[in-house]
PDB file of all heavy atoms in Angstrom:
ATOM      1  N   THR A   1       1.742  13.520  -3.093  1.00  0.00           N
ATOM      2  CA  THR A   1       0.307  13.814  -3.236  1.00  0.00           C
ATOM      3  C   THR A   1      -0.396  12.585  -3.737  1.00  0.00           C
ATOM      4  O   THR A   1       0.228  11.627  -4.222  1.00  0.00           O
ATOM      5  CB  THR A   1       0.083  14.979  -4.203  1.00  0.00           C
ATOM      6  OG1 THR A   1       0.392  14.559  -5.528  1.00  0.00           O
ATOM      7  CG2 THR A   1       0.955  16.194  -3.891  1.00  0.00           C
ATOM      8  N   ALA A   2      -1.733  12.607  -3.625  1.00  0.00           N
ATOM      9  CA  ALA A   2      -2.555  11.517  -4.143  1.00  0.00           C
ATOM     10  C   ALA A   2      -2.924  11.740  -5.612  1.00  0.00           C
ATOM     11  O   ALA A   2      -3.734  11.001  -6.151  1.00  0.00           O
ATOM     12  CB  ALA A   2      -3.846  11.413  -3.312  1.00  0.00           C
ATOM     13  N   ASN A   3      -2.311  12.717  -6.227  1.00  0.00           N
ATOM     14  CA  ASN A   3      -2.518  12.983  -7.670  1.00  0.00           C
ATOM     15  C   ASN A   3      -1.900  11.888  -8.483  1.00  0.00           C
ATOM     16  O   ASN A   3      -0.676  11.706  -8.481  1.00  0.00           O
ATOM     17  CB  ASN A   3      -1.948  14.342  -8.037  1.00  0.00           C
ATOM     18  CG  ASN A   3      -2.170  14.712  -9.471  1.00  0.00           C
ATOM     19  OD1 ASN A   3      -2.758  13.938 -10.212  1.00  0.00           O
ATOM     20  ND2 ASN A   3      -1.705  15.901  -9.880  1.00  0.00           N
ATOM     21  N   MET A   4      -2.665  11.136  -9.237  1.00  0.00           N
ATOM     22  CA  MET A   4      -2.188   9.996  -9.981  1.00  0.00           C
ATOM     23  C   MET A   4      -1.213  10.432 -11.132  1.00  0.00           C
ATOM     24  O   MET A   4      -0.497   9.615 -11.668  1.00  0.00           O
ATOM     25  CB  MET A   4      -3.344   9.186 -10.617  1.00  0.00           C
ATOM     26  CG  MET A   4      -4.200   8.501  -9.574  1.00  0.00           C
ATOM     27  SD  MET A   4      -5.496   7.466 -10.338  1.00  0.00           S
ATOM     28  CE  MET A   4      -6.368   6.931  -8.871  1.00  0.00           C
ATOM     29  N   GLN A   5      -1.247  11.746 -11.462  1.00  0.00           N
ATOM     30  CA  GLN A   5      -0.358  12.211 -12.506  1.00  0.00           C
ATOM     31  C   GLN A   5       1.007  12.580 -11.936  1.00  0.00           C
ATOM     32  O   GLN A   5       1.930  12.771 -12.680  1.00  0.00           O
ATOM     33  CB  GLN A   5      -0.981  13.462 -13.170  1.00  0.00           C
ATOM     34  CG  GLN A   5      -2.346  13.163 -13.809  1.00  0.00           C
ATOM     35  CD  GLN A   5      -2.319  12.040 -14.790  1.00  0.00           C
ATOM     36  OE1 GLN A   5      -1.391  11.973 -15.631  1.00  0.00           O
ATOM     37  NE2 GLN A   5      -3.333  11.173 -14.759  1.00  0.00           N
ATOM     38  N   ASP A   6       1.106  12.624 -10.608  1.00  0.00           N
ATOM     39  CA  ASP A   6       2.367  13.060  -9.962  1.00  0.00           C
ATOM     40  C   ASP A   6       3.253  11.807  -9.796  1.00  0.00           C
ATOM     41  O   ASP A   6       3.480  11.342  -8.684  1.00  0.00           O
ATOM     42  CB  ASP A   6       2.050  13.737  -8.655  1.00  0.00           C
ATOM     43  CG  ASP A   6       3.355  14.275  -7.985  1.00  0.00           C
ATOM     44  OD1 ASP A   6       4.396  14.369  -8.709  1.00  0.00           O
ATOM     45  OD2 ASP A   6       3.314  14.571  -6.783  1.00  0.00           O
ATOM     46  N   VAL A   7       3.791  11.360 -10.872  1.00  0.00           N
ATOM     47  CA  VAL A   7       4.629  10.119 -10.894  1.00  0.00           C
ATOM     48  C   VAL A   7       5.929  10.417 -10.131  1.00  0.00           C
ATOM     49  O   VAL A   7       6.387   9.540  -9.350  1.00  0.00           O
ATOM     50  CB  VAL A   7       4.888   9.644 -12.293  1.00  0.00           C
ATOM     51  CG1 VAL A   7       5.843   8.462 -12.286  1.00  0.00           C
ATOM     52  CG2 VAL A   7       3.588   9.244 -12.985  1.00  0.00           C
ATOM     53  N   ARG A   8       6.553  11.537 -10.362  1.00  0.00           N
ATOM     54  CA  ARG A   8       7.840  11.837  -9.708  1.00  0.00           C
ATOM     55  C   ARG A   8       7.630  11.895  -8.181  1.00  0.00           C
ATOM     56  O   ARG A   8       8.472  11.370  -7.422  1.00  0.00           O
ATOM     57  CB  ARG A   8       8.385  13.161 -10.200  1.00  0.00           C
ATOM     58  CG  ARG A   8       8.770  13.169 -11.710  1.00  0.00           C
ATOM     59  CD  ARG A   8       9.949  12.261 -11.980  1.00  0.00           C
ATOM     60  NE  ARG A   8      10.370  12.405 -13.353  1.00  0.00           N
ATOM     61  CZ  ARG A   8      11.264  11.609 -13.952  1.00  0.00           C
ATOM     62  NH1 ARG A   8      11.784  10.604 -13.319  1.00  0.00           N
ATOM     63  NH2 ARG A   8      11.595  11.780 -15.203  1.00  0.00           N
ATOM     64  N   GLY A   9       6.590  12.504  -7.708  1.00  0.00           N
ATOM     65  CA  GLY A   9       6.326  12.614  -6.302  1.00  0.00           C
ATOM     66  C   GLY A   9       6.025  11.290  -5.675  1.00  0.00           C
ATOM     67  O   GLY A   9       6.298  11.045  -4.513  1.00  0.00           O
ATOM     68  N   ALA A  10       5.461  10.359  -6.482  1.00  0.00           N
ATOM     69  CA  ALA A  10       5.131   9.032  -5.955  1.00  0.00           C
ATOM     70  C   ALA A  10       6.293   8.080  -5.869  1.00  0.00           C
ATOM     71  O   ALA A  10       6.160   7.041  -5.287  1.00  0.00           O
ATOM     72  CB  ALA A  10       4.046   8.398  -6.868  1.00  0.00           C
ATOM     73  N   ALA A  11       7.445   8.479  -6.402  1.00  0.00           N
ATOM     74  CA  ALA A  11       8.605   7.620  -6.296  1.00  0.00           C
ATOM     75  C   ALA A  11       8.959   7.282  -4.854  1.00  0.00           C
ATOM     76  O   ALA A  11       9.215   6.105  -4.526  1.00  0.00           O
ATOM     77  CB  ALA A  11       9.803   8.319  -6.974  1.00  0.00           C
ATOM     78  N   LEU A  12       8.921   8.242  -3.955  1.00  0.00           N
ATOM     79  CA  LEU A  12       9.205   7.971  -2.572  1.00  0.00           C
ATOM     80  C   LEU A  12       8.202   6.995  -2.008  1.00  0.00           C
ATOM     81  O   LEU A  12       8.566   6.059  -1.297  1.00  0.00           O
ATOM     82  CB  LEU A  12       9.206   9.289  -1.750  1.00  0.00           C
ATOM     83  CG  LEU A  12       9.359   9.166  -0.243  1.00  0.00           C
ATOM     84  CD1 LEU A  12      10.713   8.470   0.097  1.00  0.00           C
ATOM     85  CD2 LEU A  12       9.347  10.560   0.383  1.00  0.00           C
ATOM     86  N   ALA A  13       6.910   7.251  -2.267  1.00  0.00           N
ATOM     87  CA  ALA A  13       5.840   6.393  -1.772  1.00  0.00           C
ATOM     88  C   ALA A  13       5.983   4.962  -2.252  1.00  0.00           C
ATOM     89  O   ALA A  13       5.576   3.987  -1.617  1.00  0.00           O
ATOM     90  CB  ALA A  13       4.444   6.907  -2.158  1.00  0.00           C
ATOM     91  N   SER A  14       6.576   4.764  -3.434  1.00  0.00           N
ATOM     92  CA  SER A  14       6.651   3.406  -4.050  1.00  0.00           C
ATOM     93  C   SER A  14       7.477   2.468  -3.192  1.00  0.00           C
ATOM     94  O   SER A  14       7.369   1.238  -3.267  1.00  0.00           O
ATOM     95  CB  SER A  14       7.247   3.503  -5.432  1.00  0.00           C
ATOM     96  OG  SER A  14       8.656   3.783  -5.410  1.00  0.00           O
ATOM     97  N   TYR A  15       8.347   3.021  -2.319  1.00  0.00           N
ATOM     98  CA  TYR A  15       9.172   2.180  -1.407  1.00  0.00           C
ATOM     99  C   TYR A  15       8.482   1.919  -0.100  1.00  0.00           C
ATOM    100  O   TYR A  15       8.882   1.021   0.642  1.00  0.00           O
ATOM    101  CB  TYR A  15      10.481   2.889  -1.193  1.00  0.00           C
ATOM    102  CG  TYR A  15      11.342   3.104  -2.412  1.00  0.00           C
ATOM    103  CD1 TYR A  15      11.261   4.277  -3.134  1.00  0.00           C
ATOM    104  CD2 TYR A  15      12.154   2.106  -2.878  1.00  0.00           C
ATOM    105  CE1 TYR A  15      12.021   4.456  -4.304  1.00  0.00           C
ATOM    106  CE2 TYR A  15      12.913   2.264  -4.010  1.00  0.00           C
ATOM    107  CZ  TYR A  15      12.860   3.446  -4.768  1.00  0.00           C
ATOM    108  OH  TYR A  15      13.550   3.609  -5.866  1.00  0.00           O
ATOM    109  N   LEU A  16       7.404   2.677   0.259  1.00  0.00           N
ATOM    110  CA  LEU A  16       6.780   2.589   1.520  1.00  0.00           C
ATOM    111  C   LEU A  16       5.352   1.998   1.444  1.00  0.00           C
ATOM    112  O   LEU A  16       4.749   1.804   2.504  1.00  0.00           O
ATOM    113  CB  LEU A  16       6.698   3.965   2.198  1.00  0.00           C
ATOM    114  CG  LEU A  16       8.065   4.652   2.376  1.00  0.00           C
ATOM    115  CD1 LEU A  16       7.899   6.044   3.019  1.00  0.00           C
ATOM    116  CD2 LEU A  16       8.995   3.832   3.254  1.00  0.00           C
ATOM    117  N   LEU A  17       4.856   1.731   0.269  1.00  0.00           N
ATOM    118  CA  LEU A  17       3.466   1.335   0.097  1.00  0.00           C
ATOM    119  C   LEU A  17       3.233  -0.176   0.333  1.00  0.00           C
ATOM    120  O   LEU A  17       2.962  -0.941  -0.539  1.00  0.00           O
ATOM    121  CB  LEU A  17       3.054   1.665  -1.380  1.00  0.00           C
ATOM    122  CG  LEU A  17       2.220   2.927  -1.493  1.00  0.00           C
ATOM    123  CD1 LEU A  17       2.118   3.355  -2.916  1.00  0.00           C
ATOM    124  CD2 LEU A  17       0.784   2.683  -0.925  1.00  0.00           C
ATOM    125  N   PHE A  18       3.440  -0.534   1.569  1.00  0.00           N
ATOM    126  CA  PHE A  18       3.199  -1.950   1.985  1.00  0.00           C
ATOM    127  C   PHE A  18       1.705  -2.129   2.229  1.00  0.00           C
ATOM    128  O   PHE A  18       1.261  -2.401   3.313  1.00  0.00           O
ATOM    129  CB  PHE A  18       4.017  -2.288   3.252  1.00  0.00           C
ATOM    130  CG  PHE A  18       5.499  -2.269   3.024  1.00  0.00           C
ATOM    131  CD1 PHE A  18       6.217  -1.124   3.274  1.00  0.00           C
ATOM    132  CD2 PHE A  18       6.134  -3.387   2.580  1.00  0.00           C
ATOM    133  CE1 PHE A  18       7.612  -1.122   3.126  1.00  0.00           C
ATOM    134  CE2 PHE A  18       7.527  -3.415   2.393  1.00  0.00           C
ATOM    135  CZ  PHE A  18       8.314  -2.273   2.634  1.00  0.00           C
ATOM    136  N   GLU A  19       0.944  -1.961   1.151  1.00  0.00           N
ATOM    137  CA  GLU A  19      -0.535  -2.138   1.178  1.00  0.00           C
ATOM    138  C   GLU A  19      -0.878  -3.101   0.068  1.00  0.00           C
ATOM    139  O   GLU A  19      -0.352  -3.062  -1.020  1.00  0.00           O
ATOM    140  CB  GLU A  19      -1.247  -0.794   1.025  1.00  0.00           C
ATOM    141  CG  GLU A  19      -1.055   0.182   2.183  1.00  0.00           C
ATOM    142  CD  GLU A  19      -1.696  -0.283   3.488  1.00  0.00           C
ATOM    143  OE1 GLU A  19      -2.674  -1.116   3.370  1.00  0.00           O
ATOM    144  OE2 GLU A  19      -1.329   0.150   4.561  1.00  0.00           O
ATOM    145  N   GLN A  20      -1.824  -3.970   0.386  1.00  0.00           N
ATOM    146  CA  GLN A  20      -2.071  -5.123  -0.506  1.00  0.00           C
ATOM    147  C   GLN A  20      -2.566  -4.698  -1.923  1.00  0.00           C
ATOM    148  O   GLN A  20      -2.239  -5.454  -2.861  1.00  0.00           O
ATOM    149  CB  GLN A  20      -3.114  -6.071   0.102  1.00  0.00           C
ATOM    150  CG  GLN A  20      -4.490  -5.520   0.342  1.00  0.00           C
ATOM    151  CD  GLN A  20      -5.417  -6.520   0.956  1.00  0.00           C
ATOM    152  OE1 GLN A  20      -4.947  -7.403   1.689  1.00  0.00           O
ATOM    153  NE2 GLN A  20      -6.710  -6.369   0.762  1.00  0.00           N
ATOM    154  N   ALA A  21      -3.250  -3.606  -2.078  1.00  0.00           N
ATOM    155  CA  ALA A  21      -3.655  -3.247  -3.443  1.00  0.00           C
ATOM    156  C   ALA A  21      -2.411  -2.994  -4.316  1.00  0.00           C
ATOM    157  O   ALA A  21      -2.373  -3.399  -5.488  1.00  0.00           O
ATOM    158  CB  ALA A  21      -4.536  -2.034  -3.366  1.00  0.00           C
ATOM    159  N   TYR A  22      -1.489  -2.304  -3.781  1.00  0.00           N
ATOM    160  CA  TYR A  22      -0.195  -2.012  -4.477  1.00  0.00           C
ATOM    161  C   TYR A  22       0.647  -3.277  -4.650  1.00  0.00           C
ATOM    162  O   TYR A  22       1.128  -3.598  -5.758  1.00  0.00           O
ATOM    163  CB  TYR A  22       0.584  -0.934  -3.713  1.00  0.00           C
ATOM    164  CG  TYR A  22       1.932  -0.596  -4.270  1.00  0.00           C
ATOM    165  CD1 TYR A  22       2.088  -0.018  -5.530  1.00  0.00           C
ATOM    166  CD2 TYR A  22       3.109  -0.861  -3.551  1.00  0.00           C
ATOM    167  CE1 TYR A  22       3.344   0.296  -6.004  1.00  0.00           C
ATOM    168  CE2 TYR A  22       4.332  -0.490  -4.015  1.00  0.00           C
ATOM    169  CZ  TYR A  22       4.447   0.093  -5.250  1.00  0.00           C
ATOM    170  OH  TYR A  22       5.739   0.447  -5.763  1.00  0.00           O
ATOM    171  N   THR A  23       0.844  -4.049  -3.564  1.00  0.00           N
ATOM    172  CA  THR A  23       1.738  -5.215  -3.631  1.00  0.00           C
ATOM    173  C   THR A  23       1.128  -6.260  -4.593  1.00  0.00           C
ATOM    174  O   THR A  23       1.881  -6.888  -5.359  1.00  0.00           O
ATOM    175  CB  THR A  23       1.949  -5.786  -2.249  1.00  0.00           C
ATOM    176  OG1 THR A  23       0.740  -6.178  -1.661  1.00  0.00           O
ATOM    177  CG2 THR A  23       2.710  -4.877  -1.331  1.00  0.00           C
ATOM    178  N   ARG A  24      -0.213  -6.381  -4.604  1.00  0.00           N
ATOM    179  CA  ARG A  24      -0.807  -7.347  -5.533  1.00  0.00           C
ATOM    180  C   ARG A  24      -0.641  -6.896  -6.953  1.00  0.00           C
ATOM    181  O   ARG A  24      -0.449  -7.752  -7.850  1.00  0.00           O
ATOM    182  CB  ARG A  24      -2.282  -7.552  -5.179  1.00  0.00           C
ATOM    183  CG  ARG A  24      -2.548  -8.340  -3.931  1.00  0.00           C
ATOM    184  CD  ARG A  24      -4.008  -8.453  -3.623  1.00  0.00           C
ATOM    185  NE  ARG A  24      -4.221  -9.217  -2.378  1.00  0.00           N
ATOM    186  CZ  ARG A  24      -5.418  -9.490  -1.851  1.00  0.00           C
ATOM    187  NH1 ARG A  24      -6.532  -9.064  -2.504  1.00  0.00           N
ATOM    188  NH2 ARG A  24      -5.539 -10.217  -0.750  1.00  0.00           N
ATOM    189  N   ASP A  25      -0.751  -5.621  -7.235  1.00  0.00           N
ATOM    190  CA  ASP A  25      -0.471  -5.124  -8.594  1.00  0.00           C
ATOM    191  C   ASP A  25       0.986  -5.457  -9.016  1.00  0.00           C
ATOM    192  O   ASP A  25       1.210  -5.854 -10.172  1.00  0.00           O
ATOM    193  CB  ASP A  25      -0.706  -3.625  -8.657  1.00  0.00           C
ATOM    194  CG  ASP A  25      -2.140  -3.248  -8.913  1.00  0.00           C
ATOM    195  OD1 ASP A  25      -2.992  -4.153  -8.986  1.00  0.00           O
ATOM    196  OD2 ASP A  25      -2.451  -2.043  -8.989  1.00  0.00           O
ATOM    197  N   LEU A  26       1.927  -5.299  -8.114  1.00  0.00           N
ATOM    198  CA  LEU A  26       3.284  -5.575  -8.413  1.00  0.00           C
ATOM    199  C   LEU A  26       3.533  -7.049  -8.614  1.00  0.00           C
ATOM    200  O   LEU A  26       4.283  -7.479  -9.502  1.00  0.00           O
ATOM    201  CB  LEU A  26       4.268  -5.019  -7.404  1.00  0.00           C
ATOM    202  CG  LEU A  26       4.300  -3.508  -7.172  1.00  0.00           C
ATOM    203  CD1 LEU A  26       5.535  -3.130  -6.419  1.00  0.00           C
ATOM    204  CD2 LEU A  26       4.259  -2.747  -8.484  1.00  0.00           C
ATOM    205  N   MET A  27       2.899  -7.864  -7.801  1.00  0.00           N
ATOM    206  CA  MET A  27       2.979  -9.322  -7.976  1.00  0.00           C
ATOM    207  C   MET A  27       2.430  -9.756  -9.329  1.00  0.00           C
ATOM    208  O   MET A  27       3.029 -10.633 -10.010  1.00  0.00           O
ATOM    209  CB  MET A  27       2.236 -10.021  -6.835  1.00  0.00           C
ATOM    210  CG  MET A  27       2.937  -9.870  -5.449  1.00  0.00           C
ATOM    211  SD  MET A  27       1.908 -10.392  -4.064  1.00  0.00           S
ATOM    212  CE  MET A  27       1.722 -12.137  -4.387  1.00  0.00           C
ATOM    213  N   ALA A  28       1.298  -9.187  -9.715  1.00  0.00           N
ATOM    214  CA  ALA A  28       0.711  -9.526 -10.988  1.00  0.00           C
ATOM    215  C   ALA A  28       1.637  -9.121 -12.153  1.00  0.00           C
ATOM    216  O   ALA A  28       1.770  -9.837 -13.137  1.00  0.00           O
ATOM    217  CB  ALA A  28      -0.652  -8.830 -11.144  1.00  0.00           C
ATOM    218  N   LEU A  29       2.276  -7.976 -11.987  1.00  0.00           N
ATOM    219  CA  LEU A  29       3.207  -7.469 -13.041  1.00  0.00           C
ATOM    220  C   LEU A  29       4.422  -8.431 -13.088  1.00  0.00           C
ATOM    221  O   LEU A  29       4.890  -8.759 -14.224  1.00  0.00           O
ATOM    222  CB  LEU A  29       3.637  -6.065 -12.707  1.00  0.00           C
ATOM    223  CG  LEU A  29       4.650  -5.409 -13.673  1.00  0.00           C
ATOM    224  CD1 LEU A  29       4.032  -5.309 -15.103  1.00  0.00           C
ATOM    225  CD2 LEU A  29       5.081  -4.064 -13.191  1.00  0.00           C
ATOM    226  N   GLY A  30       4.946  -8.837 -11.968  1.00  0.00           N
ATOM    227  CA  GLY A  30       6.104  -9.720 -11.964  1.00  0.00           C
ATOM    228  C   GLY A  30       5.780 -11.004 -12.619  1.00  0.00           C
ATOM    229  O   GLY A  30       6.573 -11.612 -13.390  1.00  0.00           O
ATOM    230  N   ARG A  31       4.570 -11.571 -12.357  1.00  0.00           N
ATOM    231  CA  ARG A  31       4.185 -12.831 -12.986  1.00  0.00           C
ATOM    232  C   ARG A  31       4.039 -12.642 -14.474  1.00  0.00           C
ATOM    233  O   ARG A  31       4.506 -13.480 -15.266  1.00  0.00           O
ATOM    234  CB  ARG A  31       2.822 -13.273 -12.344  1.00  0.00           C
ATOM    235  CG  ARG A  31       2.221 -14.537 -13.021  1.00  0.00           C
ATOM    236  CD  ARG A  31       0.928 -14.891 -12.362  1.00  0.00           C
ATOM    237  NE  ARG A  31       0.263 -15.996 -13.073  1.00  0.00           N
ATOM    238  CZ  ARG A  31       0.557 -17.251 -12.997  1.00  0.00           C
ATOM    239  NH1 ARG A  31       1.537 -17.621 -12.194  1.00  0.00           N
ATOM    240  NH2 ARG A  31      -0.116 -18.169 -13.658  1.00  0.00           N
ATOM    241  N   ALA A  32       3.386 -11.551 -14.903  1.00  0.00           N
ATOM    242  CA  ALA A  32       3.185 -11.311 -16.307  1.00  0.00           C
ATOM    243  C   ALA A  32       4.518 -11.134 -17.047  1.00  0.00           C
ATOM    244  O   ALA A  32       4.737 -11.662 -18.168  1.00  0.00           O
ATOM    245  CB  ALA A  32       2.272 -10.087 -16.533  1.00  0.00           C
TER     246      ALA A  32
END
């Protein structure tokens, strides 16, 4: 779901989210 509180449900999406908003957030986290 698109519910931001549904972290468990988003686990599957975390592997498929090849979208720049998500990948840029992860790149920024890796750098930090």
